Amino acid sequence: RRFPQQRPDVEKQIPPLEKAGYVRFDGNVVSLTP
């Protein structure tokens, strides 16, 4: 939410990383897992 201009590009990359267990995404905040 702090970076609306870059948000769409980042969100595109999240699904495969989330599926692989590398990141979590709650709809606004993306964070890395251990």
Full PDB file with SEQRES, HELIX, SHEET, SSBOND, CRYST1, ORIGX, SCALE, CONECT and MASTER records, all heavy atoms in Angstrom:
SEQRES   1 A   34  ARG ARG PHE PRO GLN GLN ARG PRO ASP VAL GLU LYS GLN          
SEQRES   2 A   34  ILE PRO PRO LEU GLU LYS ALA GLY TYR VAL ARG PHE ASP          
SEQRES   3 A   34  GLY ASN VAL VAL SER LEU THR PRO                              
HELIX    1 AA1 ARG A    7  LYS A   19  1                                  13    
SHEET    1 AA1 2 VAL A  23  PHE A  25  0                                        
SHEET    2 AA1 2 VAL A  30  LEU A  32 -1                                        
CRYST1    1.000    1.000    1.000  90.00  90.00  90.00 P 1           1          
ORIGX1      1.000000  0.000000  0.000000        0.00000                         
ORIGX2      0.000000  1.000000  0.000000        0.00000                         
ORIGX3      0.000000  0.000000  1.000000        0.00000                         
SCALE1      1.000000  0.000000  0.000000        0.00000                         
SCALE2      0.000000  1.000000  0.000000        0.00000                         
SCALE3      0.000000  0.000000  1.000000        0.00000                         
ATOM      1  N   ARG A   1       0.828  -1.213   0.000  1.00  0.00           N  
ATOM      2  CA  ARG A   1       0.000   0.000   0.000  1.00  0.00           C  
ATOM      3  C   ARG A   1       0.861   1.263   0.000  1.00  0.00           C  
ATOM      4  O   ARG A   1       0.411   2.331  -0.428  1.00  0.00           O  
ATOM      5  CB  ARG A   1      -0.928   0.004   1.220  1.00  0.00           C  
ATOM      6  CG  ARG A   1      -2.062  -1.002   1.116  1.00  0.00           C  
ATOM      7  CD  ARG A   1      -2.832  -1.140   2.398  1.00  0.00           C  
ATOM      8  NE  ARG A   1      -2.017  -1.743   3.455  1.00  0.00           N  
ATOM      9  CZ  ARG A   1      -2.520  -2.198   4.600  1.00  0.00           C  
ATOM     10  NH1 ARG A   1      -3.830  -2.124   4.821  1.00  0.00           N  
ATOM     11  NH2 ARG A   1      -1.729  -2.731   5.505  1.00  0.00           N  
ATOM     12  N   ARG A   2       2.114   1.139   0.453  1.00  0.00           N  
ATOM     13  CA  ARG A   2       3.016   2.291   0.481  1.00  0.00           C  
ATOM     14  C   ARG A   2       3.619   2.563  -0.900  1.00  0.00           C  
ATOM     15  O   ARG A   2       4.231   3.608  -1.112  1.00  0.00           O  
ATOM     16  CB  ARG A   2       4.141   2.056   1.495  1.00  0.00           C  
ATOM     17  CG  ARG A   2       3.659   1.902   2.921  1.00  0.00           C  
ATOM     18  CD  ARG A   2       4.805   1.723   3.895  1.00  0.00           C  
ATOM     19  NE  ARG A   2       5.713   2.857   3.890  1.00  0.00           N  
ATOM     20  CZ  ARG A   2       7.024   2.780   3.687  1.00  0.00           C  
ATOM     21  NH1 ARG A   2       7.594   1.607   3.456  1.00  0.00           N  
ATOM     22  NH2 ARG A   2       7.775   3.855   3.704  1.00  0.00           N  
ATOM     23  N   PHE A   3       3.445   1.609  -1.824  1.00  0.00           N  
ATOM     24  CA  PHE A   3       4.078   1.739  -3.135  1.00  0.00           C  
ATOM     25  C   PHE A   3       3.072   1.413  -4.239  1.00  0.00           C  
ATOM     26  O   PHE A   3       3.203   0.414  -4.955  1.00  0.00           O  
ATOM     27  CB  PHE A   3       5.291   0.806  -3.225  1.00  0.00           C  
ATOM     28  CG  PHE A   3       6.291   1.010  -2.131  1.00  0.00           C  
ATOM     29  CD1 PHE A   3       6.292   0.170  -1.015  1.00  0.00           C  
ATOM     30  CD2 PHE A   3       7.216   2.045  -2.190  1.00  0.00           C  
ATOM     31  CE1 PHE A   3       7.210   0.361   0.008  1.00  0.00           C  
ATOM     32  CE2 PHE A   3       8.128   2.247  -1.164  1.00  0.00           C  
ATOM     33  CZ  PHE A   3       8.122   1.411  -0.061  1.00  0.00           C  
ATOM     34  N   PRO A   4       2.041   2.264  -4.398  1.00  0.00           N  
ATOM     35  CA  PRO A   4       0.977   1.959  -5.371  1.00  0.00           C  
ATOM     36  C   PRO A   4       1.475   1.850  -6.811  1.00  0.00           C  
ATOM     37  O   PRO A   4       0.931   1.067  -7.596  1.00  0.00           O  
ATOM     38  CB  PRO A   4      -0.002   3.128  -5.207  1.00  0.00           C  
ATOM     39  CG  PRO A   4       0.790   4.215  -4.542  1.00  0.00           C  
ATOM     40  CD  PRO A   4       1.794   3.522  -3.680  1.00  0.00           C  
ATOM     41  N   GLN A   5       2.503   2.603  -7.156  1.00  0.00           N  
ATOM     42  CA  GLN A   5       3.001   2.588  -8.533  1.00  0.00           C  
ATOM     43  C   GLN A   5       3.656   1.244  -8.870  1.00  0.00           C  
ATOM     44  O   GLN A   5       3.494   0.711  -9.968  1.00  0.00           O  
ATOM     45  CB  GLN A   5       4.010   3.726  -8.732  1.00  0.00           C  
ATOM     46  CG  GLN A   5       4.426   3.923 -10.173  1.00  0.00           C  
ATOM     47  CD  GLN A   5       5.321   5.138 -10.354  1.00  0.00           C  
ATOM     48  OE1 GLN A   5       5.390   6.014  -9.494  1.00  0.00           O  
ATOM     49  NE2 GLN A   5       6.009   5.201 -11.485  1.00  0.00           N  
ATOM     50  N   GLN A   6       4.388   0.689  -7.912  1.00  0.00           N  
ATOM     51  CA  GLN A   6       5.106  -0.563  -8.168  1.00  0.00           C  
ATOM     52  C   GLN A   6       4.271  -1.804  -7.818  1.00  0.00           C  
ATOM     53  O   GLN A   6       4.634  -2.929  -8.182  1.00  0.00           O  
ATOM     54  CB  GLN A   6       6.401  -0.601  -7.352  1.00  0.00           C  
ATOM     55  CG  GLN A   6       7.440   0.420  -7.771  1.00  0.00           C  
ATOM     56  CD  GLN A   6       7.247   1.787  -7.113  1.00  0.00           C  
ATOM     57  OE1 GLN A   6       6.348   1.955  -6.279  1.00  0.00           O  
ATOM     58  NE2 GLN A   6       8.075   2.748  -7.474  1.00  0.00           N  
ATOM     59  N   ARG A   7       3.162  -1.590  -7.135  1.00  0.00           N  
ATOM     60  CA  ARG A   7       2.379  -2.726  -6.619  1.00  0.00           C  
ATOM     61  C   ARG A   7       1.966  -3.733  -7.695  1.00  0.00           C  
ATOM     62  O   ARG A   7       2.143  -4.950  -7.492  1.00  0.00           O  
ATOM     63  CB  ARG A   7       1.154  -2.201  -5.875  1.00  0.00           C  
ATOM     64  CG  ARG A   7       0.266  -3.311  -5.330  1.00  0.00           C  
ATOM     65  CD  ARG A   7      -0.806  -2.778  -4.412  1.00  0.00           C  
ATOM     66  NE  ARG A   7      -1.585  -3.875  -3.844  1.00  0.00           N  
ATOM     67  CZ  ARG A   7      -2.268  -3.805  -2.712  1.00  0.00           C  
ATOM     68  NH1 ARG A   7      -2.290  -2.672  -2.017  1.00  0.00           N  
ATOM     69  NH2 ARG A   7      -2.954  -4.847  -2.274  1.00  0.00           N  
ATOM     70  N   PRO A   8       1.413  -3.294  -8.839  1.00  0.00           N  
ATOM     71  CA  PRO A   8       0.974  -4.288  -9.832  1.00  0.00           C  
ATOM     72  C   PRO A   8       2.095  -5.217 -10.297  1.00  0.00           C  
ATOM     73  O   PRO A   8       1.883  -6.422 -10.440  1.00  0.00           O  
ATOM     74  CB  PRO A   8       0.449  -3.423 -10.982  1.00  0.00           C  
ATOM     75  CG  PRO A   8       0.071  -2.123 -10.346  1.00  0.00           C  
ATOM     76  CD  PRO A   8       1.089  -1.920  -9.260  1.00  0.00           C  
ATOM     77  N   ASP A   9       3.288  -4.659 -10.516  1.00  0.00           N  
ATOM     78  CA  ASP A   9       4.405  -5.483 -10.982  1.00  0.00           C  
ATOM     79  C   ASP A   9       4.822  -6.501  -9.923  1.00  0.00           C  
ATOM     80  O   ASP A   9       5.146  -7.651 -10.255  1.00  0.00           O  
ATOM     81  CB  ASP A   9       5.606  -4.598 -11.353  1.00  0.00           C  
ATOM     82  CG  ASP A   9       5.362  -3.789 -12.613  1.00  0.00           C  
ATOM     83  OD1 ASP A   9       4.520  -4.223 -13.432  1.00  0.00           O  
ATOM     84  OD2 ASP A   9       5.996  -2.735 -12.783  1.00  0.00           O  
ATOM     85  N   VAL A  10       4.826  -6.085  -8.663  1.00  0.00           N  
ATOM     86  CA  VAL A  10       5.206  -7.009  -7.597  1.00  0.00           C  
ATOM     87  C   VAL A  10       4.158  -8.113  -7.451  1.00  0.00           C  
ATOM     88  O   VAL A  10       4.495  -9.302  -7.329  1.00  0.00           O  
ATOM     89  CB  VAL A  10       5.388  -6.259  -6.256  1.00  0.00           C  
ATOM     90  CG1 VAL A  10       5.660  -7.250  -5.124  1.00  0.00           C  
ATOM     91  CG2 VAL A  10       6.523  -5.245  -6.353  1.00  0.00           C  
ATOM     92  N   GLU A  11       2.883  -7.726  -7.482  1.00  0.00           N  
ATOM     93  CA  GLU A  11       1.817  -8.707  -7.283  1.00  0.00           C  
ATOM     94  C   GLU A  11       1.834  -9.812  -8.344  1.00  0.00           C  
ATOM     95  O   GLU A  11       1.487 -10.961  -8.059  1.00  0.00           O  
ATOM     96  CB  GLU A  11       0.451  -8.015  -7.268  1.00  0.00           C  
ATOM     97  CG  GLU A  11       0.164  -7.281  -5.963  1.00  0.00           C  
ATOM     98  CD  GLU A  11      -1.280  -6.816  -5.860  1.00  0.00           C  
ATOM     99  OE1 GLU A  11      -1.911  -6.629  -6.920  1.00  0.00           O  
ATOM    100  OE2 GLU A  11      -1.763  -6.643  -4.722  1.00  0.00           O  
ATOM    101  N   LYS A  12       2.269  -9.468  -9.545  1.00  0.00           N  
ATOM    102  CA  LYS A  12       2.343 -10.473 -10.618  1.00  0.00           C  
ATOM    103  C   LYS A  12       3.319 -11.600 -10.276  1.00  0.00           C  
ATOM    104  O   LYS A  12       3.150 -12.731 -10.725  1.00  0.00           O  
ATOM    105  CB  LYS A  12       2.800  -9.808 -11.929  1.00  0.00           C  
ATOM    106  CG  LYS A  12       1.752  -8.953 -12.603  1.00  0.00           C  
ATOM    107  CD  LYS A  12       2.358  -8.311 -13.854  1.00  0.00           C  
ATOM    108  CE  LYS A  12       1.437  -7.239 -14.403  1.00  0.00           C  
ATOM    109  NZ  LYS A  12       2.086  -6.480 -15.512  1.00  0.00           N  
ATOM    110  N   GLN A  13       4.340 -11.271  -9.496  1.00  0.00           N  
ATOM    111  CA  GLN A  13       5.390 -12.244  -9.192  1.00  0.00           C  
ATOM    112  C   GLN A  13       5.068 -13.119  -7.978  1.00  0.00           C  
ATOM    113  O   GLN A  13       5.755 -14.119  -7.726  1.00  0.00           O  
ATOM    114  CB  GLN A  13       6.721 -11.508  -8.928  1.00  0.00           C  
ATOM    115  CG  GLN A  13       7.171 -10.586 -10.052  1.00  0.00           C  
ATOM    116  CD  GLN A  13       7.377 -11.330 -11.360  1.00  0.00           C  
ATOM    117  OE1 GLN A  13       7.775 -12.499 -11.373  1.00  0.00           O  
ATOM    118  NE2 GLN A  13       7.072 -10.665 -12.471  1.00  0.00           N  
ATOM    119  N   ILE A  14       4.035 -12.744  -7.223  1.00  0.00           N  
ATOM    120  CA  ILE A  14       3.784 -13.415  -5.948  1.00  0.00           C  
ATOM    121  C   ILE A  14       3.253 -14.843  -6.080  1.00  0.00           C  
ATOM    122  O   ILE A  14       3.736 -15.743  -5.366  1.00  0.00           O  
ATOM    123  CB  ILE A  14       2.840 -12.554  -5.073  1.00  0.00           C  
ATOM    124  CG1 ILE A  14       3.572 -11.284  -4.615  1.00  0.00           C  
ATOM    125  CG2 ILE A  14       2.339 -13.353  -3.866  1.00  0.00           C  
ATOM    126  CD1 ILE A  14       2.697 -10.308  -3.860  1.00  0.00           C  
ATOM    127  N   PRO A  15       2.268 -15.132  -6.948  1.00  0.00           N  
ATOM    128  CA  PRO A  15       1.637 -16.469  -6.923  1.00  0.00           C  
ATOM    129  C   PRO A  15       2.605 -17.652  -6.999  1.00  0.00           C  
ATOM    130  O   PRO A  15       2.512 -18.563  -6.158  1.00  0.00           O  
ATOM    131  CB  PRO A  15       0.679 -16.421  -8.117  1.00  0.00           C  
ATOM    132  CG  PRO A  15       0.312 -14.970  -8.220  1.00  0.00           C  
ATOM    133  CD  PRO A  15       1.573 -14.230  -7.886  1.00  0.00           C  
ATOM    134  N   PRO A  16       3.559 -17.695  -7.945  1.00  0.00           N  
ATOM    135  CA  PRO A  16       4.448 -18.872  -7.970  1.00  0.00           C  
ATOM    136  C   PRO A  16       5.359 -18.960  -6.743  1.00  0.00           C  
ATOM    137  O   PRO A  16       5.669 -20.066  -6.276  1.00  0.00           O  
ATOM    138  CB  PRO A  16       5.273 -18.678  -9.254  1.00  0.00           C  
ATOM    139  CG  PRO A  16       5.165 -17.229  -9.574  1.00  0.00           C  
ATOM    140  CD  PRO A  16       3.821 -16.802  -9.088  1.00  0.00           C  
ATOM    141  N   LEU A  17       5.762 -17.814  -6.204  1.00  0.00           N  
ATOM    142  CA  LEU A  17       6.613 -17.805  -5.008  1.00  0.00           C  
ATOM    143  C   LEU A  17       5.822 -18.255  -3.785  1.00  0.00           C  
ATOM    144  O   LEU A  17       6.341 -18.957  -2.914  1.00  0.00           O  
ATOM    145  CB  LEU A  17       7.202 -16.410  -4.785  1.00  0.00           C  
ATOM    146  CG  LEU A  17       8.191 -15.928  -5.849  1.00  0.00           C  
ATOM    147  CD1 LEU A  17       8.538 -14.459  -5.632  1.00  0.00           C  
ATOM    148  CD2 LEU A  17       9.453 -16.781  -5.829  1.00  0.00           C  
ATOM    149  N   GLU A  18       4.539 -17.856  -3.749  1.00  0.00           N  
ATOM    150  CA  GLU A  18       3.667 -18.275  -2.638  1.00  0.00           C  
ATOM    151  C   GLU A  18       3.404 -19.785  -2.721  1.00  0.00           C  
ATOM    152  O   GLU A  18       3.457 -20.495  -1.705  1.00  0.00           O  
ATOM    153  CB  GLU A  18       2.353 -17.492  -2.697  1.00  0.00           C  
ATOM    154  CG  GLU A  18       1.481 -17.638  -1.472  1.00  0.00           C  
ATOM    155  CD  GLU A  18       0.275 -16.716  -1.528  1.00  0.00           C  
ATOM    156  OE1 GLU A  18      -0.168 -16.360  -2.641  1.00  0.00           O  
ATOM    157  OE2 GLU A  18      -0.227 -16.352  -0.450  1.00  0.00           O  
ATOM    158  N   LYS A  19       3.169 -20.275  -3.934  1.00  0.00           N  
ATOM    159  CA  LYS A  19       2.913 -21.701  -4.132  1.00  0.00           C  
ATOM    160  C   LYS A  19       4.127 -22.539  -3.733  1.00  0.00           C  
ATOM    161  O   LYS A  19       3.989 -23.640  -3.179  1.00  0.00           O  
ATOM    162  CB  LYS A  19       2.557 -21.951  -5.596  1.00  0.00           C  
ATOM    163  CG  LYS A  19       2.129 -23.383  -5.871  1.00  0.00           C  
ATOM    164  CD  LYS A  19       1.691 -23.559  -7.313  1.00  0.00           C  
ATOM    165  CE  LYS A  19       1.256 -25.000  -7.584  1.00  0.00           C  
ATOM    166  NZ  LYS A  19       0.849 -25.184  -9.003  1.00  0.00           N  
ATOM    167  N   ALA A  20       5.325 -22.004  -3.980  1.00  0.00           N  
ATOM    168  CA  ALA A  20       6.563 -22.719  -3.648  1.00  0.00           C  
ATOM    169  C   ALA A  20       6.896 -22.657  -2.161  1.00  0.00           C  
ATOM    170  O   ALA A  20       7.826 -23.313  -1.705  1.00  0.00           O  
ATOM    171  CB  ALA A  20       7.728 -22.150  -4.459  1.00  0.00           C  
ATOM    172  N   GLY A  21       6.145 -21.839  -1.400  1.00  0.00           N  
ATOM    173  CA  GLY A  21       6.369 -21.745   0.038  1.00  0.00           C  
ATOM    174  C   GLY A  21       7.413 -20.730   0.443  1.00  0.00           C  
ATOM    175  O   GLY A  21       7.879 -20.726   1.589  1.00  0.00           O  
ATOM    176  N   TYR A  22       7.777 -19.825  -0.487  1.00  0.00           N  
ATOM    177  CA  TYR A  22       8.823 -18.850  -0.203  1.00  0.00           C  
ATOM    178  C   TYR A  22       8.289 -17.533   0.361  1.00  0.00           C  
ATOM    179  O   TYR A  22       9.031 -16.800   1.014  1.00  0.00           O  
ATOM    180  CB  TYR A  22       9.629 -18.544  -1.466  1.00  0.00           C  
ATOM    181  CG  TYR A  22      10.441 -19.711  -1.973  1.00  0.00           C  
ATOM    182  CD1 TYR A  22      10.585 -19.942  -3.335  1.00  0.00           C  
ATOM    183  CD2 TYR A  22      11.068 -20.598  -1.095  1.00  0.00           C  
ATOM    184  CE1 TYR A  22      11.333 -21.015  -3.814  1.00  0.00           C  
ATOM    185  CE2 TYR A  22      11.816 -21.675  -1.552  1.00  0.00           C  
ATOM    186  CZ  TYR A  22      11.943 -21.872  -2.916  1.00  0.00           C  
ATOM    187  OH  TYR A  22      12.684 -22.932  -3.378  1.00  0.00           O  
ATOM    188  N   VAL A  23       7.028 -17.200   0.062  1.00  0.00           N  
ATOM    189  CA  VAL A  23       6.463 -15.943   0.555  1.00  0.00           C  
ATOM    190  C   VAL A  23       5.051 -16.174   1.085  1.00  0.00           C  
ATOM    191  O   VAL A  23       4.389 -17.166   0.755  1.00  0.00           O  
ATOM    192  CB  VAL A  23       6.423 -14.838  -0.545  1.00  0.00           C  
ATOM    193  CG1 VAL A  23       7.802 -14.593  -1.134  1.00  0.00           C  
ATOM    194  CG2 VAL A  23       5.413 -15.168  -1.634  1.00  0.00           C  
ATOM    195  N   ARG A  24       4.626 -15.210   1.917  1.00  0.00           N  
ATOM    196  CA  ARG A  24       3.237 -15.131   2.354  1.00  0.00           C  
ATOM    197  C   ARG A  24       2.675 -13.823   1.816  1.00  0.00           C  
ATOM    198  O   ARG A  24       3.394 -12.817   1.712  1.00  0.00           O  
ATOM    199  CB  ARG A  24       3.129 -15.126   3.876  1.00  0.00           C  
ATOM    200  CG  ARG A  24       3.715 -16.334   4.580  1.00  0.00           C  
ATOM    201  CD  ARG A  24       3.442 -16.252   6.082  1.00  0.00           C  
ATOM    202  NE  ARG A  24       4.078 -17.339   6.817  1.00  0.00           N  
ATOM    203  CZ  ARG A  24       5.277 -17.254   7.396  1.00  0.00           C  
ATOM    204  NH1 ARG A  24       5.966 -16.106   7.312  1.00  0.00           N  
ATOM    205  NH2 ARG A  24       5.786 -18.272   8.039  1.00  0.00           N  
ATOM    206  N   PHE A  25       1.370 -13.796   1.517  1.00  0.00           N  
ATOM    207  CA  PHE A  25       0.739 -12.565   1.021  1.00  0.00           C  
ATOM    208  C   PHE A  25      -0.673 -12.502   1.566  1.00  0.00           C  
ATOM    209  O   PHE A  25      -1.471 -13.420   1.373  1.00  0.00           O  
ATOM    210  CB  PHE A  25       0.726 -12.549  -0.509  1.00  0.00           C  
ATOM    211  CG  PHE A  25       0.217 -11.266  -1.099  1.00  0.00           C  
ATOM    212  CD1 PHE A  25       0.741 -10.033  -0.712  1.00  0.00           C  
ATOM    213  CD2 PHE A  25      -0.801 -11.282  -2.041  1.00  0.00           C  
ATOM    214  CE1 PHE A  25       0.271  -8.840  -1.263  1.00  0.00           C  
ATOM    215  CE2 PHE A  25      -1.277 -10.097  -2.603  1.00  0.00           C  
ATOM    216  CZ  PHE A  25      -0.736  -8.880  -2.212  1.00  0.00           C  
ATOM    217  N   ASP A  26      -0.965 -11.411   2.296  1.00  0.00           N  
ATOM    218  CA  ASP A  26      -2.302 -11.278   2.894  1.00  0.00           C  
ATOM    219  C   ASP A  26      -3.207 -10.346   2.102  1.00  0.00           C  
ATOM    220  O   ASP A  26      -4.269  -9.952   2.580  1.00  0.00           O  
ATOM    221  CB  ASP A  26      -2.181 -10.804   4.346  1.00  0.00           C  
ATOM    222  CG  ASP A  26      -1.657  -9.362   4.466  1.00  0.00           C  
ATOM    223  OD1 ASP A  26      -1.410  -8.710   3.427  1.00  0.00           O  
ATOM    224  OD2 ASP A  26      -1.504  -8.892   5.613  1.00  0.00           O  
ATOM    225  N   GLY A  27      -2.783 -10.000   0.901  1.00  0.00           N  
ATOM    226  CA  GLY A  27      -3.553  -9.068   0.082  1.00  0.00           C  
ATOM    227  C   GLY A  27      -2.938  -7.685   0.036  1.00  0.00           C  
ATOM    228  O   GLY A  27      -3.199  -6.911  -0.899  1.00  0.00           O  
ATOM    229  N   ASN A  28      -2.127  -7.362   1.040  1.00  0.00           N  
ATOM    230  CA  ASN A  28      -1.434  -6.071   1.078  1.00  0.00           C  
ATOM    231  C   ASN A  28       0.052  -6.207   1.386  1.00  0.00           C  
ATOM    232  O   ASN A  28       0.874  -5.497   0.820  1.00  0.00           O  
ATOM    233  CB  ASN A  28      -2.081  -5.148   2.121  1.00  0.00           C  
ATOM    234  CG  ASN A  28      -3.443  -4.659   1.709  1.00  0.00           C  
ATOM    235  OD1 ASN A  28      -3.616  -4.119   0.619  1.00  0.00           O  
ATOM    236  ND2 ASN A  28      -4.434  -4.862   2.570  1.00  0.00           N  
ATOM    237  N   VAL A  29       0.373  -7.112   2.294  1.00  0.00           N  
ATOM    238  CA  VAL A  29       1.755  -7.249   2.753  1.00  0.00           C  
ATOM    239  C   VAL A  29       2.330  -8.567   2.254  1.00  0.00           C  
ATOM    240  O   VAL A  29       1.738  -9.632   2.468  1.00  0.00           O  
ATOM    241  CB  VAL A  29       1.842  -7.185   4.295  1.00  0.00           C  
ATOM    242  CG1 VAL A  29       3.289  -7.384   4.755  1.00  0.00           C  
ATOM    243  CG2 VAL A  29       1.308  -5.839   4.804  1.00  0.00           C  
ATOM    244  N   VAL A  30       3.501  -8.488   1.600  1.00  0.00           N  
ATOM    245  CA  VAL A  30       4.208  -9.687   1.183  1.00  0.00           C  
ATOM    246  C   VAL A  30       5.419  -9.854   2.089  1.00  0.00           C  
ATOM    247  O   VAL A  30       6.132  -8.901   2.392  1.00  0.00           O  
ATOM    248  CB  VAL A  30       4.628  -9.616  -0.302  1.00  0.00           C  
ATOM    249  CG1 VAL A  30       5.514  -8.416  -0.600  1.00  0.00           C  
ATOM    250  CG2 VAL A  30       5.333 -10.901  -0.726  1.00  0.00           C  
ATOM    251  N   SER A  31       5.630 -11.077   2.580  1.00  0.00           N  
ATOM    252  CA  SER A  31       6.755 -11.340   3.479  1.00  0.00           C  
ATOM    253  C   SER A  31       7.341 -12.701   3.146  1.00  0.00           C  
ATOM    254  O   SER A  31       6.658 -13.579   2.604  1.00  0.00           O  
ATOM    255  CB  SER A  31       6.317 -11.283   4.935  1.00  0.00           C  
ATOM    256  OG  SER A  31       5.294 -12.237   5.188  1.00  0.00           O  
ATOM    257  N   LEU A  32       8.606 -12.879   3.483  1.00  0.00           N  
ATOM    258  CA  LEU A  32       9.287 -14.138   3.222  1.00  0.00           C  
ATOM    259  C   LEU A  32       9.055 -15.114   4.372  1.00  0.00           C  
ATOM    260  O   LEU A  32       8.986 -14.719   5.534  1.00  0.00           O  
ATOM    261  CB  LEU A  32      10.785 -13.918   3.018  1.00  0.00           C  
ATOM    262  CG  LEU A  32      11.243 -13.601   1.587  1.00  0.00           C  
ATOM    263  CD1 LEU A  32      10.656 -12.277   1.104  1.00  0.00           C  
ATOM    264  CD2 LEU A  32      12.767 -13.556   1.495  1.00  0.00           C  
ATOM    265  N   THR A  33       8.962 -16.378   4.030  1.00  0.00           N  
ATOM    266  CA  THR A  33       8.888 -17.446   5.016  1.00  0.00           C  
ATOM    267  C   THR A  33      10.324 -17.833   5.401  1.00  0.00           C  
ATOM    268  O   THR A  33      11.277 -17.414   4.741  1.00  0.00           O  
ATOM    269  CB  THR A  33       8.196 -18.683   4.415  1.00  0.00           C  
ATOM    270  OG1 THR A  33       9.008 -19.175   3.339  1.00  0.00           O  
ATOM    271  CG2 THR A  33       6.796 -18.332   3.895  1.00  0.00           C  
ATOM    272  N   PRO A  34      10.516 -18.643   6.443  1.00  0.00           N  
ATOM    273  CA  PRO A  34      11.872 -19.123   6.733  1.00  0.00           C  
ATOM    274  C   PRO A  34      12.527 -19.804   5.527  1.00  0.00           C  
ATOM    275  O   PRO A  34      13.719 -19.622   5.261  1.00  0.00           O  
ATOM    276  CB  PRO A  34      11.654 -20.100   7.889  1.00  0.00           C  
ATOM    277  CG  PRO A  34      10.470 -19.544   8.606  1.00  0.00           C  
ATOM    278  CD  PRO A  34       9.567 -19.024   7.511  1.00  0.00           C  
TER     279      PRO A  34                                                      
MASTER        0    0    0    1    2    0    0    6  278    1    0    3          
END                                                                             
